[in-house]
PDB file of N, CA and C in Angstrom:
ATOM      1  N   MET A   1     107.926  83.567 113.408  1.00  0.00           N
ATOM      2  CA  MET A   1     108.306  85.133 113.436  1.00  0.00           C
ATOM      3  C   MET A   1     107.044  85.692 113.054  1.00  0.00           C
ATOM      4  N   THR A   2     106.635  86.926 113.719  1.00  0.00           N
ATOM      5  CA  THR A   2     105.589  87.749 113.167  1.00  0.00           C
ATOM      6  C   THR A   2     105.789  88.973 112.702  1.00  0.00           C
ATOM      7  N   ARG A   3     105.301  89.714 111.714  1.00  0.00           N
ATOM      8  CA  ARG A   3     105.991  90.963 111.619  1.00  0.00           C
ATOM      9  C   ARG A   3     104.800  92.065 111.754  1.00  0.00           C
ATOM     10  N   VAL A   4     105.064  93.078 112.459  1.00  0.00           N
ATOM     11  CA  VAL A   4     103.954  93.864 113.146  1.00  0.00           C
ATOM     12  C   VAL A   4     104.230  95.431 112.613  1.00  0.00           C
ATOM     13  N   ALA A   5     103.319  95.902 111.878  1.00  0.00           N
ATOM     14  CA  ALA A   5     103.265  97.300 111.303  1.00  0.00           C
ATOM     15  C   ALA A   5     103.263  98.176 112.594  1.00  0.00           C
ATOM     16  N   CYS A   6     103.990  99.112 112.780  1.00  0.00           N
ATOM     17  CA  CYS A   6     103.758 100.157 114.090  1.00  0.00           C
ATOM     18  C   CYS A   6     103.703 101.499 113.641  1.00  0.00           C
ATOM     19  N   ALA A   7     104.662 101.958 112.730  1.00  0.00           N
ATOM     20  CA  ALA A   7     104.539 103.225 112.420  1.00  0.00           C
ATOM     21  C   ALA A   7     103.263 103.744 111.442  1.00  0.00           C
ATOM     22  N   GLY A   8     102.493 104.843 111.872  1.00  0.00           N
ATOM     23  CA  GLY A   8     101.366 105.005 111.189  1.00  0.00           C
ATOM     24  C   GLY A   8     100.233 104.357 111.674  1.00  0.00           C
ATOM     25  N   GLN A   9     100.228 103.460 112.781  1.00  0.00           N
ATOM     26  CA  GLN A   9      99.105 102.752 113.110  1.00  0.00           C
ATOM     27  C   GLN A   9      98.804 103.189 114.573  1.00  0.00           C
ATOM     28  N   HIS A  10      97.633 103.084 114.849  1.00  0.00           N
ATOM     29  CA  HIS A  10      97.216 103.267 116.339  1.00  0.00           C
ATOM     30  C   HIS A  10      97.782 104.420 117.119  1.00  0.00           C
ATOM     31  N   GLY A  11      97.869 105.517 116.479  1.00  0.00           N
ATOM     32  CA  GLY A  11      98.364 106.685 117.014  1.00  0.00           C
ATOM     33  C   GLY A  11     100.090 106.999 117.060  1.00  0.00           C
ATOM     34  N   VAL A  12     100.624 105.774 116.496  1.00  0.00           N
ATOM     35  CA  VAL A  12     101.937 105.955 116.335  1.00  0.00           C
ATOM     36  C   VAL A  12     102.470 106.738 115.295  1.00  0.00           C
ATOM     37  N   PRO A  13     103.267 107.850 115.147  1.00  0.00           N
ATOM     38  CA  PRO A  13     103.426 108.728 114.064  1.00  0.00           C
ATOM     39  C   PRO A  13     104.075 107.923 112.986  1.00  0.00           C
ATOM     40  N   ARG A  14     103.786 108.183 111.660  1.00  0.00           N
ATOM     41  CA  ARG A  14     104.455 107.615 110.598  1.00  0.00           C
ATOM     42  C   ARG A  14     106.198 107.781 110.537  1.00  0.00           C
ATOM     43  N   THR A  15     106.469 108.778 111.287  1.00  0.00           N
ATOM     44  CA  THR A  15     107.982 109.188 111.186  1.00  0.00           C
ATOM     45  C   THR A  15     108.777 108.467 112.594  1.00  0.00           C
ATOM     46  N   ALA A  16     107.960 107.627 113.221  1.00  0.00           N
ATOM     47  CA  ALA A  16     108.527 107.221 114.414  1.00  0.00           C
ATOM     48  C   ALA A  16     109.872 106.220 114.169  1.00  0.00           C
ATOM     49  N   LYS A  17     110.541 106.251 115.021  1.00  0.00           N
ATOM     50  CA  LYS A  17     111.963 105.297 114.976  1.00  0.00           C
ATOM     51  C   LYS A  17     111.903 104.348 115.783  1.00  0.00           C
ATOM     52  N   ALA A  18     111.174 104.456 116.922  1.00  0.00           N
ATOM     53  CA  ALA A  18     111.121 103.308 118.043  1.00  0.00           C
ATOM     54  C   ALA A  18     109.505 103.306 118.546  1.00  0.00           C
ATOM     55  N   ILE A  19     109.245 102.227 119.072  1.00  0.00           N
ATOM     56  CA  ILE A  19     108.002 101.903 119.998  1.00  0.00           C
ATOM     57  C   ILE A  19     108.355 101.774 121.558  1.00  0.00           C
ATOM     58  N   LEU A  20     107.398 102.010 122.238  1.00  0.00           N
ATOM     59  CA  LEU A  20     107.200 101.580 123.565  1.00  0.00           C
ATOM     60  C   LEU A  20     106.335 100.519 123.587  1.00  0.00           C
ATOM     61  N   ALA A  21     106.491  99.207 123.982  1.00  0.00           N
ATOM     62  CA  ALA A  21     105.431  98.107 123.884  1.00  0.00           C
ATOM     63  C   ALA A  21     105.483  97.402 125.092  1.00  0.00           C
ATOM     64  N   ASN A  22     104.248  96.947 125.536  1.00  0.00           N
ATOM     65  CA  ASN A  22     104.008  96.056 126.446  1.00  0.00           C
ATOM     66  C   ASN A  22     103.958  94.549 126.060  1.00  0.00           C
ATOM     67  N   VAL A  23     104.610  93.517 126.073  1.00  0.00           N
ATOM     68  CA  VAL A  23     104.629  92.269 125.581  1.00  0.00           C
ATOM     69  C   VAL A  23     104.107  91.509 126.549  1.00  0.00           C
ATOM     70  N   VAL A  24     103.199  90.498 126.169  1.00  0.00           N
ATOM     71  CA  VAL A  24     102.807  89.797 127.423  1.00  0.00           C
ATOM     72  C   VAL A  24     102.657  88.260 126.928  1.00  0.00           C
ATOM     73  N   SER A  25     103.046  87.232 127.738  1.00  0.00           N
ATOM     74  CA  SER A  25     102.804  85.903 127.553  1.00  0.00           C
ATOM     75  C   SER A  25     101.704  85.457 128.554  1.00  0.00           C
ATOM     76  N   VAL A  26     100.618  84.807 127.962  1.00  0.00           N
ATOM     77  CA  VAL A  26      99.591  84.232 128.888  1.00  0.00           C
ATOM     78  C   VAL A  26      99.412  82.683 128.956  1.00  0.00           C
ATOM     79  N   ALA A  27      99.732  82.135 130.148  1.00  0.00           N
ATOM     80  CA  ALA A  27      99.649  80.683 130.501  1.00  0.00           C
ATOM     81  C   ALA A  27     100.093  79.761 129.112  1.00  0.00           C
ATOM     82  N   GLY A  28     101.350  80.037 128.568  1.00  0.00           N
ATOM     83  CA  GLY A  28     101.749  79.054 127.451  1.00  0.00           C
ATOM     84  C   GLY A  28     101.765  77.794 127.922  1.00  0.00           C
ATOM     85  N   SER A  29     101.731  76.811 127.124  1.00  0.00           N
ATOM     86  CA  SER A  29     101.933  75.554 127.326  1.00  0.00           C
ATOM     87  C   SER A  29     103.475  74.945 127.714  1.00  0.00           C
ATOM     88  N   HIS A  30     104.328  75.752 127.077  1.00  0.00           N
ATOM     89  CA  HIS A  30     105.823  75.540 127.163  1.00  0.00           C
ATOM     90  C   HIS A  30     106.603  76.782 127.671  1.00  0.00           C
ATOM     91  N   GLN A  31     107.741  76.748 128.313  1.00  0.00           N
ATOM     92  CA  GLN A  31     108.705  77.542 128.556  1.00  0.00           C
ATOM     93  C   GLN A  31     108.993  78.313 127.179  1.00  0.00           C
ATOM     94  N   THR A  32     109.092  79.715 127.268  1.00  0.00           N
ATOM     95  CA  THR A  32     109.062  80.389 125.972  1.00  0.00           C
ATOM     96  C   THR A  32     109.782  81.813 126.097  1.00  0.00           C
ATOM     97  N   PHE A  33     110.143  82.428 125.209  1.00  0.00           N
ATOM     98  CA  PHE A  33     110.761  83.571 125.075  1.00  0.00           C
ATOM     99  C   PHE A  33     110.342  84.404 123.987  1.00  0.00           C
ATOM    100  N   PHE A  34     110.350  85.845 123.870  1.00  0.00           N
ATOM    101  CA  PHE A  34     109.991  86.615 122.731  1.00  0.00           C
ATOM    102  C   PHE A  34     111.062  87.659 122.635  1.00  0.00           C
ATOM    103  N   THR A  35     111.350  88.025 121.328  1.00  0.00           N
ATOM    104  CA  THR A  35     112.418  88.983 121.112  1.00  0.00           C
ATOM    105  C   THR A  35     111.594  90.019 120.163  1.00  0.00           C
ATOM    106  N   VAL A  36     111.694  91.027 120.575  1.00  0.00           N
ATOM    107  CA  VAL A  36     111.206  92.225 119.601  1.00  0.00           C
ATOM    108  C   VAL A  36     112.362  93.047 118.999  1.00  0.00           C
ATOM    109  N   PHE A  37     112.465  93.152 117.650  1.00  0.00           N
ATOM    110  CA  PHE A  37     113.696  93.709 116.884  1.00  0.00           C
ATOM    111  C   PHE A  37     113.165  94.430 115.742  1.00  0.00           C
ATOM    112  N   PRO A  38     114.036  95.043 115.168  1.00  0.00           N
ATOM    113  CA  PRO A  38     113.608  95.939 114.000  1.00  0.00           C
ATOM    114  C   PRO A  38     113.435  95.190 112.624  1.00  0.00           C
ATOM    115  N   ALA A  39     112.305  95.128 111.932  1.00  0.00           N
ATOM    116  CA  ALA A  39     111.901  94.178 110.958  1.00  0.00           C
ATOM    117  C   ALA A  39     112.920  94.084 109.863  1.00  0.00           C
ATOM    118  N   GLY A  40     113.305  92.962 109.210  1.00  0.00           N
ATOM    119  CA  GLY A  40     114.419  93.056 108.444  1.00  0.00           C
ATOM    120  C   GLY A  40     115.769  92.793 108.842  1.00  0.00           C
ATOM    121  N   SER A  41     116.017  92.931 110.198  1.00  0.00           N
ATOM    122  CA  SER A  41     117.424  92.933 110.725  1.00  0.00           C
ATOM    123  C   SER A  41     117.643  91.449 111.145  1.00  0.00           C
ATOM    124  N   PRO A  42     118.801  91.310 111.308  1.00  0.00           N
ATOM    125  CA  PRO A  42     119.037  89.911 112.188  1.00  0.00           C
ATOM    126  C   PRO A  42     118.495  89.847 113.360  1.00  0.00           C
ATOM    127  N   LEU A  43     118.068  88.396 113.894  1.00  0.00           N
ATOM    128  CA  LEU A  43     117.508  88.376 115.164  1.00  0.00           C
ATOM    129  C   LEU A  43     118.762  88.467 116.074  1.00  0.00           C
ATOM    130  N   THR A  44     118.364  89.325 117.234  1.00  0.00           N
ATOM    131  CA  THR A  44     119.280  89.550 118.432  1.00  0.00           C
ATOM    132  C   THR A  44     119.342  88.492 119.190  1.00  0.00           C
ATOM    133  N   GLU A  45     120.286  88.289 119.950  1.00  0.00           N
ATOM    134  CA  GLU A  45     120.729  87.349 121.156  1.00  0.00           C
ATOM    135  C   GLU A  45     119.899  87.895 122.510  1.00  0.00           C
ATOM    136  N   THR A  46     119.178  88.777 122.332  1.00  0.00           N
ATOM    137  CA  THR A  46     118.710  89.250 123.735  1.00  0.00           C
ATOM    138  C   THR A  46     117.192  89.131 123.736  1.00  0.00           C
ATOM    139  N   SER A  47     116.763  88.307 124.657  1.00  0.00           N
ATOM    140  CA  SER A  47     115.177  88.288 124.754  1.00  0.00           C
ATOM    141  C   SER A  47     114.434  89.600 125.346  1.00  0.00           C
ATOM    142  N   SER A  48     113.204  89.529 124.931  1.00  0.00           N
ATOM    143  CA  SER A  48     112.438  90.966 125.463  1.00  0.00           C
ATOM    144  C   SER A  48     111.372  90.182 126.290  1.00  0.00           C
ATOM    145  N   LEU A  49     111.293  89.025 126.561  1.00  0.00           N
ATOM    146  CA  LEU A  49     110.367  88.552 127.705  1.00  0.00           C
ATOM    147  C   LEU A  49     110.804  87.105 127.726  1.00  0.00           C
ATOM    148  N   ASN A  50     110.793  86.578 128.996  1.00  0.00           N
ATOM    149  CA  ASN A  50     110.856  85.328 129.278  1.00  0.00           C
ATOM    150  C   ASN A  50     109.762  84.713 130.044  1.00  0.00           C
ATOM    151  N   ALA A  51     109.366  83.561 129.643  1.00  0.00           N
ATOM    152  CA  ALA A  51     108.089  82.919 130.442  1.00  0.00           C
ATOM    153  C   ALA A  51     108.223  81.443 130.745  1.00  0.00           C
ATOM    154  N   SER A  52     107.622  81.114 131.981  1.00  0.00           N
ATOM    155  CA  SER A  52     107.693  79.711 132.200  1.00  0.00           C
ATOM    156  C   SER A  52     106.362  79.059 131.738  1.00  0.00           C
ATOM    157  N   ALA A  53     106.020  78.122 131.773  1.00  0.00           N
ATOM    158  CA  ALA A  53     104.753  77.225 131.180  1.00  0.00           C
ATOM    159  C   ALA A  53     103.917  77.549 132.169  1.00  0.00           C
ATOM    160  N   GLY A  54     102.793  78.173 131.708  1.00  0.00           N
ATOM    161  CA  GLY A  54     101.442  78.399 132.515  1.00  0.00           C
ATOM    162  C   GLY A  54     101.441  79.733 133.357  1.00  0.00           C
ATOM    163  N   ALA A  55     102.814  80.549 133.116  1.00  0.00           N
ATOM    164  CA  ALA A  55     102.976  82.014 133.827  1.00  0.00           C
ATOM    165  C   ALA A  55     102.157  82.799 132.984  1.00  0.00           C
ATOM    166  N   VAL A  56     101.909  83.865 133.502  1.00  0.00           N
ATOM    167  CA  VAL A  56     101.339  85.338 132.940  1.00  0.00           C
ATOM    168  C   VAL A  56     102.482  86.317 133.423  1.00  0.00           C
ATOM    169  N   VAL A  57     103.004  86.645 132.191  1.00  0.00           N
ATOM    170  CA  VAL A  57     104.255  87.540 132.288  1.00  0.00           C
ATOM    171  C   VAL A  57     104.160  88.670 131.368  1.00  0.00           C
ATOM    172  N   ALA A  58     104.516  90.048 131.888  1.00  0.00           N
ATOM    173  CA  ALA A  58     104.545  91.123 131.076  1.00  0.00           C
ATOM    174  C   ALA A  58     105.759  91.779 131.145  1.00  0.00           C
ATOM    175  N   ASN A  59     106.249  92.402 130.134  1.00  0.00           N
ATOM    176  CA  ASN A  59     107.401  93.322 130.204  1.00  0.00           C
ATOM    177  C   ASN A  59     107.311  94.433 129.204  1.00  0.00           C
ATOM    178  N   THR A  60     107.815  95.441 129.632  1.00  0.00           N
ATOM    179  CA  THR A  60     107.687  96.832 128.660  1.00  0.00           C
ATOM    180  C   THR A  60     108.979  96.798 127.842  1.00  0.00           C
ATOM    181  N   VAL A  61     108.755  96.897 126.655  1.00  0.00           N
ATOM    182  CA  VAL A  61     109.875  96.913 125.643  1.00  0.00           C
ATOM    183  C   VAL A  61     109.985  98.204 124.849  1.00  0.00           C
ATOM    184  N   VAL A  62     111.374  98.678 124.659  1.00  0.00           N
ATOM    185  CA  VAL A  62     111.545  99.909 123.757  1.00  0.00           C
ATOM    186  C   VAL A  62     112.267  99.279 122.581  1.00  0.00           C
ATOM    187  N   ALA A  63     111.720  99.395 121.470  1.00  0.00           N
ATOM    188  CA  ALA A  63     112.228  98.555 120.252  1.00  0.00           C
ATOM    189  C   ALA A  63     112.414  99.516 119.035  1.00  0.00           C
ATOM    190  N   LYS A  64     113.504  99.427 118.419  1.00  0.00           N
ATOM    191  CA  LYS A  64     113.783 100.169 117.119  1.00  0.00           C
ATOM    192  C   LYS A  64     112.933  99.798 116.141  1.00  0.00           C
ATOM    193  N   LEU A  65     112.553 100.602 115.264  1.00  0.00           N
ATOM    194  CA  LEU A  65     111.404  99.988 114.070  1.00  0.00           C
ATOM    195  C   LEU A  65     112.544  99.869 112.983  1.00  0.00           C
ATOM    196  N   GLY A  66     112.326  98.944 112.123  1.00  0.00           N
ATOM    197  CA  GLY A  66     112.846  98.674 110.773  1.00  0.00           C
ATOM    198  C   GLY A  66     112.668  99.874 109.810  1.00  0.00           C
ATOM    199  N   ASP A  67     113.405  99.950 108.759  1.00  0.00           N
ATOM    200  CA  ASP A  67     113.015 101.046 107.649  1.00  0.00           C
ATOM    201  C   ASP A  67     111.752 101.119 107.412  1.00  0.00           C
ATOM    202  N   ASP A  68     110.846 100.034 107.535  1.00  0.00           N
ATOM    203  CA  ASP A  68     109.559 100.142 106.829  1.00  0.00           C
ATOM    204  C   ASP A  68     108.520 100.377 107.958  1.00  0.00           C
ATOM    205  N   GLY A  69     109.164 100.731 109.140  1.00  0.00           N
ATOM    206  CA  GLY A  69     108.142 101.016 110.463  1.00  0.00           C
ATOM    207  C   GLY A  69     107.643  99.985 111.082  1.00  0.00           C
ATOM    208  N   LYS A  70     108.383  98.658 110.938  1.00  0.00           N
ATOM    209  CA  LYS A  70     107.677  97.679 111.394  1.00  0.00           C
ATOM    210  C   LYS A  70     108.769  96.996 112.265  1.00  0.00           C
ATOM    211  N   VAL A  71     108.357  95.955 113.228  1.00  0.00           N
ATOM    212  CA  VAL A  71     109.075  95.219 114.033  1.00  0.00           C
ATOM    213  C   VAL A  71     108.875  93.676 113.875  1.00  0.00           C
ATOM    214  N   ASP A  72     109.914  92.890 114.170  1.00  0.00           N
ATOM    215  CA  ASP A  72     109.710  91.495 114.082  1.00  0.00           C
ATOM    216  C   ASP A  72     109.520  90.720 115.625  1.00  0.00           C
ATOM    217  N   ILE A  73     108.837  89.824 115.757  1.00  0.00           N
ATOM    218  CA  ILE A  73     108.667  89.266 116.873  1.00  0.00           C
ATOM    219  C   ILE A  73     108.778  87.884 116.817  1.00  0.00           C
TER     220      ILE A  73
END
């Protein structure tokens, strides 16, 4: 899991409650999935992106930010 700071970063207002992001998987060696969810919250059962091995796949995601303005992936 990776925690990503969003609020107050790269033009996102410090008071933001959610983000619109483009999630991309590029030619991974195995089938995979990504889930973008509020930092500090339990992992959700819904994936944000599914990709087959070797595929390039992109998906637009709307994700709520955690109380600290971050998301976990």
